[in-house]
Amino acid sequence: MAASFLPSILASTSYLPSILVPIIGWVLPGVVFAFLFLYIESDDISDIN
């Protein structure tokens, strides 16, 4: 039963690369860069010691 169900799931997810590639390539780095920029530019340096 599971063997016949799996190909139908994989065939219906052919649109996922067109969604996941821009997310991994643009959105995720943008979020990481924004977080790191805000972290680097923060004035609270008391956490270092």
C-alpha atoms as a PDB file:
ATOM      1  CA  MET A   1       0.000   0.000   0.000  1.00  0.00           C
ATOM      2  CA  ALA A   2       2.758   2.448   0.880  1.00  0.00           C
ATOM      3  CA  ALA A   3       4.699   1.544  -2.255  1.00  0.00           C
ATOM      4  CA  SER A   4       1.838   2.594  -4.507  1.00  0.00           C
ATOM      5  CA  PHE A   5       1.125   5.752  -2.485  1.00  0.00           C
ATOM      6  CA  LEU A   6       4.664   7.160  -2.579  1.00  0.00           C
ATOM      7  CA  PRO A   7       4.924   7.732  -6.365  1.00  0.00           C
ATOM      8  CA  SER A   8       1.669   9.681  -6.357  1.00  0.00           C
ATOM      9  CA  ILE A   9       3.026  11.970  -3.609  1.00  0.00           C
ATOM     10  CA  LEU A  10       6.311  12.514  -5.452  1.00  0.00           C
ATOM     11  CA  ALA A  11       4.545  13.223  -8.729  1.00  0.00           C
ATOM     12  CA  SER A  12       2.343  15.873  -7.154  1.00  0.00           C
ATOM     13  CA  THR A  13       5.275  17.721  -5.535  1.00  0.00           C
ATOM     14  CA  SER A  14       7.059  18.675  -8.764  1.00  0.00           C
ATOM     15  CA  TYR A  15       6.368  22.361  -8.029  1.00  0.00           C
ATOM     16  CA  LEU A  16       8.434  22.379  -4.817  1.00  0.00           C
ATOM     17  CA  PRO A  17      11.827  23.217  -6.386  1.00  0.00           C
ATOM     18  CA  SER A  18      10.414  26.425  -7.860  1.00  0.00           C
ATOM     19  CA  ILE A  19       9.359  27.450  -4.345  1.00  0.00           C
ATOM     20  CA  LEU A  20      12.254  26.142  -2.262  1.00  0.00           C
ATOM     21  CA  VAL A  21      15.152  27.330  -4.453  1.00  0.00           C
ATOM     22  CA  PRO A  22      14.263  31.053  -4.148  1.00  0.00           C
ATOM     23  CA  ILE A  23      13.602  30.633  -0.425  1.00  0.00           C
ATOM     24  CA  ILE A  24      16.990  29.007   0.178  1.00  0.00           C
ATOM     25  CA  GLY A  25      18.792  31.287  -2.271  1.00  0.00           C
ATOM     26  CA  TRP A  26      17.288  34.696  -1.403  1.00  0.00           C
ATOM     27  CA  VAL A  27      15.074  34.699   1.676  1.00  0.00           C
ATOM     28  CA  LEU A  28      17.230  32.623   4.031  1.00  0.00           C
ATOM     29  CA  PRO A  29      20.476  34.546   3.332  1.00  0.00           C
ATOM     30  CA  GLY A  30      18.596  37.828   3.634  1.00  0.00           C
ATOM     31  CA  VAL A  31      17.264  36.865   7.057  1.00  0.00           C
ATOM     32  CA  VAL A  32      20.698  35.696   8.193  1.00  0.00           C
ATOM     33  CA  PHE A  33      22.418  38.856   6.914  1.00  0.00           C
ATOM     34  CA  ALA A  34      19.829  41.079   8.584  1.00  0.00           C
ATOM     35  CA  PHE A  35      20.198  39.236  11.895  1.00  0.00           C
ATOM     36  CA  LEU A  36      23.989  39.378  11.751  1.00  0.00           C
ATOM     37  CA  PHE A  37      23.952  43.064  10.815  1.00  0.00           C
ATOM     38  CA  LEU A  38      21.691  43.887  13.743  1.00  0.00           C
ATOM     39  CA  TYR A  39      23.813  41.735  16.051  1.00  0.00           C
ATOM     40  CA  ILE A  40      27.077  43.321  14.922  1.00  0.00           C
ATOM     41  CA  GLU A  41      25.728  46.862  15.111  1.00  0.00           C
ATOM     42  CA  SER A  42      24.176  46.471  18.557  1.00  0.00           C
ATOM     43  CA  ASP A  43      25.699  48.726  21.224  1.00  0.00           C
ATOM     44  CA  ASP A  44      25.311  46.204  24.013  1.00  0.00           C
ATOM     45  CA  ILE A  45      28.861  44.878  24.356  1.00  0.00           C
ATOM     46  CA  SER A  46      28.562  43.933  28.022  1.00  0.00           C
ATOM     47  CA  ASP A  47      27.767  40.327  27.053  1.00  0.00           C
ATOM     48  CA  ILE A  48      31.316  39.744  25.812  1.00  0.00           C
ATOM     49  CA  ASN A  49      32.983  39.731  29.264  1.00  0.00           C
END
